[in-house]
Amino acid sequence: MSKHKDIGPQDEAAGPTGREKLLSAALKLAAKSRNLSTIGVRELGREAGLNPNTFYRHFTDLDDLSMALIDQLGKELRVPLQALRRSIVSREENAVRTVELVFDFAKDHPDVFIVGVRELYGASPRVREALRRTIGEVAGDLAEDMRVMQITPGLDDKTARELAEVVAVQTFHSTLDYLEHPDQRSEILRRVVQFINALFVGAMAIQAGLPLATMVSTQKLKKPD
């Protein structure tokens, strides 16, 4: 007589739902001041409410899981940013609304940003490179949108891309302050927007061969409301 293995809730969750549970569990554990690479598969399965062996149905190792988290972050963040920027007509409005969107996204997904910033300096070279690549893709989108909409006249493509990368990194890092200090969020937003505007005004002044004071006097540095 053959024996039939009972299929409990853990095994039923081994499909897409199981994958999502593992990703959520990894974020929850790593957000508690830990790196993803230090989480054990058994601990992860326990947090997700799954049999530990379920992990290997979805991921080859913890780096593979980390890459999936980063890929998910990039996709979920880039799409609304692209849609937003294509409705903007000025550099000043672009800076304000882009930072607002990133900060709002961080409020809705705090663990993602806490873990992301930490893993940018974590132990895994693959994960660090994947995060840098994701930030670079966001910067590339920003630079391309600025070029198409002529938001930064006079800047060559290489300089615009370099500045966009600085903006992406600065905004990414600033999300931690924004999350940890809710009473200072308006001021943090103001500082980041001011930094972005000053960065581009300075770059345009240098490329135009103008004194910075002259460029500042002709460019309105818009503050967030």
C-alpha atoms as a PDB file:
ATOM      1  CA  MET A   1       0.000   0.000   0.000  1.00  0.00           C
ATOM      2  CA  SER A   2       1.461   3.313  -1.011  1.00  0.00           C
ATOM      3  CA  LYS A   3       1.773   6.129   1.452  1.00  0.00           C
ATOM      4  CA  HIS A   4       0.492   9.576   0.587  1.00  0.00           C
ATOM      5  CA  LYS A   5       2.171  12.638   1.992  1.00  0.00           C
ATOM      6  CA  ASP A   6      -0.256  15.117   3.494  1.00  0.00           C
ATOM      7  CA  ILE A   7      -0.074  18.476   1.759  1.00  0.00           C
ATOM      8  CA  GLY A   8      -0.295  21.178   4.392  1.00  0.00           C
ATOM      9  CA  PRO A   9      -0.344  24.967   4.051  1.00  0.00           C
ATOM     10  CA  GLN A  10       3.437  25.082   3.783  1.00  0.00           C
ATOM     11  CA  ASP A  11       3.515  22.985   0.630  1.00  0.00           C
ATOM     12  CA  GLU A  12       0.537  24.736  -0.907  1.00  0.00           C
ATOM     13  CA  ALA A  13       2.499  27.975  -0.655  1.00  0.00           C
ATOM     14  CA  ALA A  14       5.409  26.587  -2.683  1.00  0.00           C
ATOM     15  CA  GLY A  15       4.243  28.319  -5.882  1.00  0.00           C
ATOM     16  CA  PRO A  16       4.350  32.078  -6.530  1.00  0.00           C
ATOM     17  CA  THR A  17       2.888  32.758  -3.088  1.00  0.00           C
ATOM     18  CA  GLY A  18       5.768  30.871  -1.503  1.00  0.00           C
ATOM     19  CA  ARG A  19       8.281  32.979  -3.427  1.00  0.00           C
ATOM     20  CA  GLU A  20       6.608  36.190  -2.316  1.00  0.00           C
ATOM     21  CA  LYS A  21       6.562  34.995   1.297  1.00  0.00           C
ATOM     22  CA  LEU A  22      10.274  34.263   1.171  1.00  0.00           C
ATOM     23  CA  LEU A  23      11.038  37.705  -0.275  1.00  0.00           C
ATOM     24  CA  SER A  24       8.917  39.414   2.383  1.00  0.00           C
ATOM     25  CA  ALA A  25      10.498  37.351   5.154  1.00  0.00           C
ATOM     26  CA  ALA A  26      13.999  38.220   3.930  1.00  0.00           C
ATOM     27  CA  LEU A  27      13.175  41.931   3.971  1.00  0.00           C
ATOM     28  CA  LYS A  28      11.671  41.713   7.444  1.00  0.00           C
ATOM     29  CA  LEU A  29      14.683  39.898   8.885  1.00  0.00           C
ATOM     30  CA  ALA A  30      17.296  42.008   7.103  1.00  0.00           C
ATOM     31  CA  ALA A  31      15.618  45.280   8.089  1.00  0.00           C
ATOM     32  CA  LYS A  32      16.465  44.466  11.721  1.00  0.00           C
ATOM     33  CA  SER A  33      20.030  45.790  11.282  1.00  0.00           C
ATOM     34  CA  ARG A  34      21.316  42.715   9.449  1.00  0.00           C
ATOM     35  CA  ASN A  35      22.714  41.852   6.031  1.00  0.00           C
ATOM     36  CA  LEU A  36      20.870  39.465   3.751  1.00  0.00           C
ATOM     37  CA  SER A  37      23.951  37.243   3.538  1.00  0.00           C
ATOM     38  CA  THR A  38      23.782  36.498   7.285  1.00  0.00           C
ATOM     39  CA  ILE A  39      20.262  35.046   7.169  1.00  0.00           C
ATOM     40  CA  GLY A  40      20.046  31.260   7.266  1.00  0.00           C
ATOM     41  CA  VAL A  41      17.706  29.301   5.015  1.00  0.00           C
ATOM     42  CA  ARG A  42      16.053  27.612   8.009  1.00  0.00           C
ATOM     43  CA  GLU A  43      15.524  30.957   9.716  1.00  0.00           C
ATOM     44  CA  LEU A  44      14.088  32.372   6.506  1.00  0.00           C
ATOM     45  CA  GLY A  45      11.719  29.438   6.081  1.00  0.00           C
ATOM     46  CA  ARG A  46      10.575  29.739   9.686  1.00  0.00           C
ATOM     47  CA  GLU A  47       9.871  33.469   9.281  1.00  0.00           C
ATOM     48  CA  ALA A  48       7.967  32.803   6.048  1.00  0.00           C
ATOM     49  CA  GLY A  49       6.011  29.911   7.572  1.00  0.00           C
ATOM     50  CA  LEU A  50       7.409  27.503   4.977  1.00  0.00           C
ATOM     51  CA  ASN A  51       9.414  24.315   4.912  1.00  0.00           C
ATOM     52  CA  PRO A  52      13.099  25.342   4.528  1.00  0.00           C
ATOM     53  CA  ASN A  53      13.397  23.169   1.414  1.00  0.00           C
ATOM     54  CA  THR A  54      10.848  25.443  -0.276  1.00  0.00           C
ATOM     55  CA  PHE A  55      13.611  28.037  -0.594  1.00  0.00           C
ATOM     56  CA  TYR A  56      15.464  25.971  -3.196  1.00  0.00           C
ATOM     57  CA  ARG A  57      12.382  25.665  -5.381  1.00  0.00           C
ATOM     58  CA  HIS A  58      12.618  29.403  -6.011  1.00  0.00           C
ATOM     59  CA  PHE A  59      16.232  30.472  -5.424  1.00  0.00           C
ATOM     60  CA  THR A  60      19.647  28.880  -5.802  1.00  0.00           C
ATOM     61  CA  ASP A  61      21.143  30.773  -2.858  1.00  0.00           C
ATOM     62  CA  LEU A  62      20.736  33.951  -0.789  1.00  0.00           C
ATOM     63  CA  ASP A  63      22.442  36.047  -3.459  1.00  0.00           C
ATOM     64  CA  ASP A  64      19.816  34.851  -5.926  1.00  0.00           C
ATOM     65  CA  LEU A  65      17.056  35.937  -3.531  1.00  0.00           C
ATOM     66  CA  SER A  66      18.773  39.300  -3.024  1.00  0.00           C
ATOM     67  CA  MET A  67      18.965  39.832  -6.783  1.00  0.00           C
ATOM     68  CA  ALA A  68      15.233  39.140  -7.044  1.00  0.00           C
ATOM     69  CA  LEU A  69      14.535  41.778  -4.388  1.00  0.00           C
ATOM     70  CA  ILE A  70      16.674  44.340  -6.200  1.00  0.00           C
ATOM     71  CA  ASP A  71      15.045  43.558  -9.538  1.00  0.00           C
ATOM     72  CA  GLN A  72      11.616  43.997  -7.964  1.00  0.00           C
ATOM     73  CA  LEU A  73      12.640  47.327  -6.428  1.00  0.00           C
ATOM     74  CA  GLY A  74      13.965  48.614  -9.740  1.00  0.00           C
ATOM     75  CA  LYS A  75      10.834  47.702 -11.672  1.00  0.00           C
ATOM     76  CA  GLU A  76       8.413  49.065  -9.085  1.00  0.00           C
ATOM     77  CA  LEU A  77      10.276  52.365  -8.764  1.00  0.00           C
ATOM     78  CA  ARG A  78      11.279  53.076 -12.364  1.00  0.00           C
ATOM     79  CA  VAL A  79       7.811  52.809 -13.919  1.00  0.00           C
ATOM     80  CA  PRO A  80       6.131  55.554 -11.821  1.00  0.00           C
ATOM     81  CA  LEU A  81       9.250  57.738 -12.057  1.00  0.00           C
ATOM     82  CA  GLN A  82       9.223  57.502 -15.844  1.00  0.00           C
ATOM     83  CA  ALA A  83       5.516  58.351 -15.995  1.00  0.00           C
ATOM     84  CA  LEU A  84       5.957  61.270 -13.601  1.00  0.00           C
ATOM     85  CA  ARG A  85       8.900  62.886 -15.347  1.00  0.00           C
ATOM     86  CA  ARG A  86       7.197  62.789 -18.726  1.00  0.00           C
ATOM     87  CA  SER A  87       4.476  65.047 -17.317  1.00  0.00           C
ATOM     88  CA  ILE A  88       6.999  67.642 -16.077  1.00  0.00           C
ATOM     89  CA  VAL A  89       8.184  70.640 -18.067  1.00  0.00           C
ATOM     90  CA  SER A  90      10.843  72.298 -15.888  1.00  0.00           C
ATOM     91  CA  ARG A  91      13.990  71.284 -14.018  1.00  0.00           C
ATOM     92  CA  GLU A  92      12.699  72.805 -10.780  1.00  0.00           C
ATOM     93  CA  GLU A  93       9.418  70.893 -10.885  1.00  0.00           C
ATOM     94  CA  ASN A  94      11.294  67.762 -11.926  1.00  0.00           C
ATOM     95  CA  ALA A  95      13.518  67.877  -8.834  1.00  0.00           C
ATOM     96  CA  VAL A  96      10.672  68.468  -6.390  1.00  0.00           C
ATOM     97  CA  ARG A  97       8.251  65.896  -7.724  1.00  0.00           C
ATOM     98  CA  THR A  98      10.876  63.216  -8.361  1.00  0.00           C
ATOM     99  CA  VAL A  99      12.200  63.394  -4.801  1.00  0.00           C
ATOM    100  CA  GLU A 100       8.655  63.476  -3.419  1.00  0.00           C
ATOM    101  CA  LEU A 101       7.786  60.331  -5.368  1.00  0.00           C
ATOM    102  CA  VAL A 102      10.893  58.468  -4.178  1.00  0.00           C
ATOM    103  CA  PHE A 103      10.278  59.485  -0.564  1.00  0.00           C
ATOM    104  CA  ASP A 104       6.606  58.485  -0.768  1.00  0.00           C
ATOM    105  CA  PHE A 105       7.646  55.145  -2.259  1.00  0.00           C
ATOM    106  CA  ALA A 106      10.112  54.705   0.615  1.00  0.00           C
ATOM    107  CA  LYS A 107       7.359  55.399   3.163  1.00  0.00           C
ATOM    108  CA  ASP A 108       5.253  52.660   1.582  1.00  0.00           C
ATOM    109  CA  HIS A 109       8.213  50.230   1.325  1.00  0.00           C
ATOM    110  CA  PRO A 110      10.523  51.148   4.235  1.00  0.00           C
ATOM    111  CA  ASP A 111      12.187  47.744   4.587  1.00  0.00           C
ATOM    112  CA  VAL A 112      13.168  47.747   0.907  1.00  0.00           C
ATOM    113  CA  PHE A 113      15.106  51.003   1.246  1.00  0.00           C
ATOM    114  CA  ILE A 114      16.622  50.189   4.635  1.00  0.00           C
ATOM    115  CA  VAL A 115      17.948  46.893   3.300  1.00  0.00           C
ATOM    116  CA  GLY A 116      18.927  48.413  -0.041  1.00  0.00           C
ATOM    117  CA  VAL A 117      21.117  51.136   1.451  1.00  0.00           C
ATOM    118  CA  ARG A 118      22.770  48.625   3.783  1.00  0.00           C
ATOM    119  CA  GLU A 119      23.413  46.083   1.028  1.00  0.00           C
ATOM    120  CA  LEU A 120      25.059  48.756  -1.124  1.00  0.00           C
ATOM    121  CA  TYR A 121      28.010  48.287   1.243  1.00  0.00           C
ATOM    122  CA  GLY A 122      27.325  44.654   2.132  1.00  0.00           C
ATOM    123  CA  ALA A 123      29.444  41.532   1.832  1.00  0.00           C
ATOM    124  CA  SER A 124      28.210  40.247  -1.524  1.00  0.00           C
ATOM    125  CA  PRO A 125      29.902  41.700  -4.638  1.00  0.00           C
ATOM    126  CA  ARG A 126      27.025  40.439  -6.814  1.00  0.00           C
ATOM    127  CA  VAL A 127      24.422  42.230  -4.710  1.00  0.00           C
ATOM    128  CA  ARG A 128      26.461  45.443  -4.510  1.00  0.00           C
ATOM    129  CA  GLU A 129      26.885  45.454  -8.274  1.00  0.00           C
ATOM    130  CA  ALA A 130      23.173  44.756  -8.835  1.00  0.00           C
ATOM    131  CA  LEU A 131      22.219  47.688  -6.612  1.00  0.00           C
ATOM    132  CA  ARG A 132      24.662  49.992  -8.380  1.00  0.00           C
ATOM    133  CA  ARG A 133      23.242  48.840 -11.695  1.00  0.00           C
ATOM    134  CA  THR A 134      19.673  49.560 -10.549  1.00  0.00           C
ATOM    135  CA  ILE A 135      20.655  53.044  -9.365  1.00  0.00           C
ATOM    136  CA  GLY A 136      22.454  53.541 -12.678  1.00  0.00           C
ATOM    137  CA  GLU A 137      19.317  52.562 -14.600  1.00  0.00           C
ATOM    138  CA  VAL A 138      17.263  55.107 -12.650  1.00  0.00           C
ATOM    139  CA  ALA A 139      19.944  57.717 -13.378  1.00  0.00           C
ATOM    140  CA  GLY A 140      19.921  56.779 -17.054  1.00  0.00           C
ATOM    141  CA  ASP A 141      16.152  57.273 -17.216  1.00  0.00           C
ATOM    142  CA  LEU A 142      16.522  60.680 -15.569  1.00  0.00           C
ATOM    143  CA  ALA A 143      19.303  61.796 -17.913  1.00  0.00           C
ATOM    144  CA  GLU A 144      17.386  60.660 -20.998  1.00  0.00           C
ATOM    145  CA  ASP A 145      14.207  62.432 -19.900  1.00  0.00           C
ATOM    146  CA  MET A 146      16.153  65.642 -19.255  1.00  0.00           C
ATOM    147  CA  ARG A 147      17.700  65.416 -22.718  1.00  0.00           C
ATOM    148  CA  VAL A 148      14.408  64.752 -24.516  1.00  0.00           C
ATOM    149  CA  MET A 149      12.527  67.482 -22.630  1.00  0.00           C
ATOM    150  CA  GLN A 150      15.491  69.899 -22.820  1.00  0.00           C
ATOM    151  CA  ILE A 151      15.275  70.544 -19.083  1.00  0.00           C
ATOM    152  CA  THR A 152      19.013  71.257 -18.781  1.00  0.00           C
ATOM    153  CA  PRO A 153      19.983  73.228 -21.900  1.00  0.00           C
ATOM    154  CA  GLY A 154      23.693  73.404 -22.606  1.00  0.00           C
ATOM    155  CA  LEU A 155      24.666  70.240 -20.738  1.00  0.00           C
ATOM    156  CA  ASP A 156      26.302  67.540 -22.828  1.00  0.00           C
ATOM    157  CA  ASP A 157      24.967  63.990 -22.493  1.00  0.00           C
ATOM    158  CA  LYS A 158      27.980  62.698 -20.542  1.00  0.00           C
ATOM    159  CA  THR A 159      27.763  65.448 -17.918  1.00  0.00           C
ATOM    160  CA  ALA A 160      23.986  65.079 -17.624  1.00  0.00           C
ATOM    161  CA  ARG A 161      24.372  61.334 -17.026  1.00  0.00           C
ATOM    162  CA  GLU A 162      27.075  61.855 -14.390  1.00  0.00           C
ATOM    163  CA  LEU A 163      24.947  64.427 -12.571  1.00  0.00           C
ATOM    164  CA  ALA A 164      21.870  62.203 -12.780  1.00  0.00           C
ATOM    165  CA  GLU A 165      23.836  59.412 -11.111  1.00  0.00           C
ATOM    166  CA  VAL A 166      24.890  61.735  -8.274  1.00  0.00           C
ATOM    167  CA  VAL A 167      21.239  62.762  -7.858  1.00  0.00           C
ATOM    168  CA  ALA A 168      20.053  59.138  -7.791  1.00  0.00           C
ATOM    169  CA  VAL A 169      22.645  58.103  -5.186  1.00  0.00           C
ATOM    170  CA  GLN A 170      22.012  61.161  -2.994  1.00  0.00           C
ATOM    171  CA  THR A 171      18.245  60.665  -3.074  1.00  0.00           C
ATOM    172  CA  PHE A 172      18.614  56.935  -2.384  1.00  0.00           C
ATOM    173  CA  HIS A 173      20.751  57.584   0.697  1.00  0.00           C
ATOM    174  CA  SER A 174      18.513  60.409   1.917  1.00  0.00           C
ATOM    175  CA  THR A 175      15.561  58.033   2.205  1.00  0.00           C
ATOM    176  CA  LEU A 176      17.023  56.666   5.452  1.00  0.00           C
ATOM    177  CA  ASP A 177      16.989  60.097   7.103  1.00  0.00           C
ATOM    178  CA  TYR A 178      13.501  60.661   5.723  1.00  0.00           C
ATOM    179  CA  LEU A 179      12.246  57.385   7.211  1.00  0.00           C
ATOM    180  CA  GLU A 180      14.008  57.735  10.558  1.00  0.00           C
ATOM    181  CA  HIS A 181      13.034  61.373  11.224  1.00  0.00           C
ATOM    182  CA  PRO A 182       9.351  61.877  10.358  1.00  0.00           C
ATOM    183  CA  ASP A 183       9.308  65.224  12.177  1.00  0.00           C
ATOM    184  CA  GLN A 184      12.042  66.550   9.852  1.00  0.00           C
ATOM    185  CA  ARG A 185      10.714  65.306   6.520  1.00  0.00           C
ATOM    186  CA  SER A 186       9.849  68.710   5.076  1.00  0.00           C
ATOM    187  CA  GLU A 187      13.346  69.985   5.824  1.00  0.00           C
ATOM    188  CA  ILE A 188      15.003  66.840   4.435  1.00  0.00           C
ATOM    189  CA  LEU A 189      12.977  67.188   1.235  1.00  0.00           C
ATOM    190  CA  ARG A 190      13.924  70.866   0.966  1.00  0.00           C
ATOM    191  CA  ARG A 191      17.641  70.121   1.389  1.00  0.00           C
ATOM    192  CA  VAL A 192      17.688  67.352  -1.207  1.00  0.00           C
ATOM    193  CA  VAL A 193      15.807  69.470  -3.761  1.00  0.00           C
ATOM    194  CA  GLN A 194      18.109  72.425  -3.109  1.00  0.00           C
ATOM    195  CA  PHE A 195      21.144  70.177  -3.587  1.00  0.00           C
ATOM    196  CA  ILE A 196      19.823  68.874  -6.915  1.00  0.00           C
ATOM    197  CA  ASN A 197      18.978  72.317  -8.275  1.00  0.00           C
ATOM    198  CA  ALA A 198      22.315  73.784  -7.172  1.00  0.00           C
ATOM    199  CA  LEU A 199      24.152  70.857  -8.764  1.00  0.00           C
ATOM    200  CA  PHE A 200      22.560  71.398 -12.166  1.00  0.00           C
ATOM    201  CA  VAL A 201      22.743  75.200 -12.051  1.00  0.00           C
ATOM    202  CA  GLY A 202      26.451  74.967 -11.256  1.00  0.00           C
ATOM    203  CA  ALA A 203      27.089  72.481 -14.048  1.00  0.00           C
ATOM    204  CA  MET A 204      25.219  74.604 -16.597  1.00  0.00           C
ATOM    205  CA  ALA A 205      27.147  77.704 -15.501  1.00  0.00           C
ATOM    206  CA  ILE A 206      30.479  75.938 -15.949  1.00  0.00           C
ATOM    207  CA  GLN A 207      29.569  74.604 -19.391  1.00  0.00           C
ATOM    208  CA  ALA A 208      28.252  78.002 -20.483  1.00  0.00           C
ATOM    209  CA  GLY A 209      31.417  79.713 -19.241  1.00  0.00           C
ATOM    210  CA  LEU A 210      29.382  82.012 -17.006  1.00  0.00           C
ATOM    211  CA  PRO A 211      30.147  83.129 -13.449  1.00  0.00           C
ATOM    212  CA  LEU A 212      28.093  81.004 -11.076  1.00  0.00           C
ATOM    213  CA  ALA A 213      26.470  84.091  -9.524  1.00  0.00           C
ATOM    214  CA  THR A 214      25.178  85.137 -12.948  1.00  0.00           C
ATOM    215  CA  MET A 215      23.689  81.713 -13.592  1.00  0.00           C
ATOM    216  CA  VAL A 216      22.048  81.562 -10.170  1.00  0.00           C
ATOM    217  CA  SER A 217      20.451  84.966 -10.707  1.00  0.00           C
ATOM    218  CA  THR A 218      18.814  83.749 -13.926  1.00  0.00           C
ATOM    219  CA  GLN A 219      17.713  80.355 -12.607  1.00  0.00           C
ATOM    220  CA  LYS A 220      14.916  80.076 -10.090  1.00  0.00           C
ATOM    221  CA  LEU A 221      15.695  77.485  -7.414  1.00  0.00           C
ATOM    222  CA  LYS A 222      12.216  76.320  -6.592  1.00  0.00           C
ATOM    223  CA  LYS A 223      11.545  75.120  -3.065  1.00  0.00           C
ATOM    224  CA  PRO A 224       9.036  72.371  -2.323  1.00  0.00           C
ATOM    225  CA  ASP A 225       5.690  73.547  -1.019  1.00  0.00           C
END
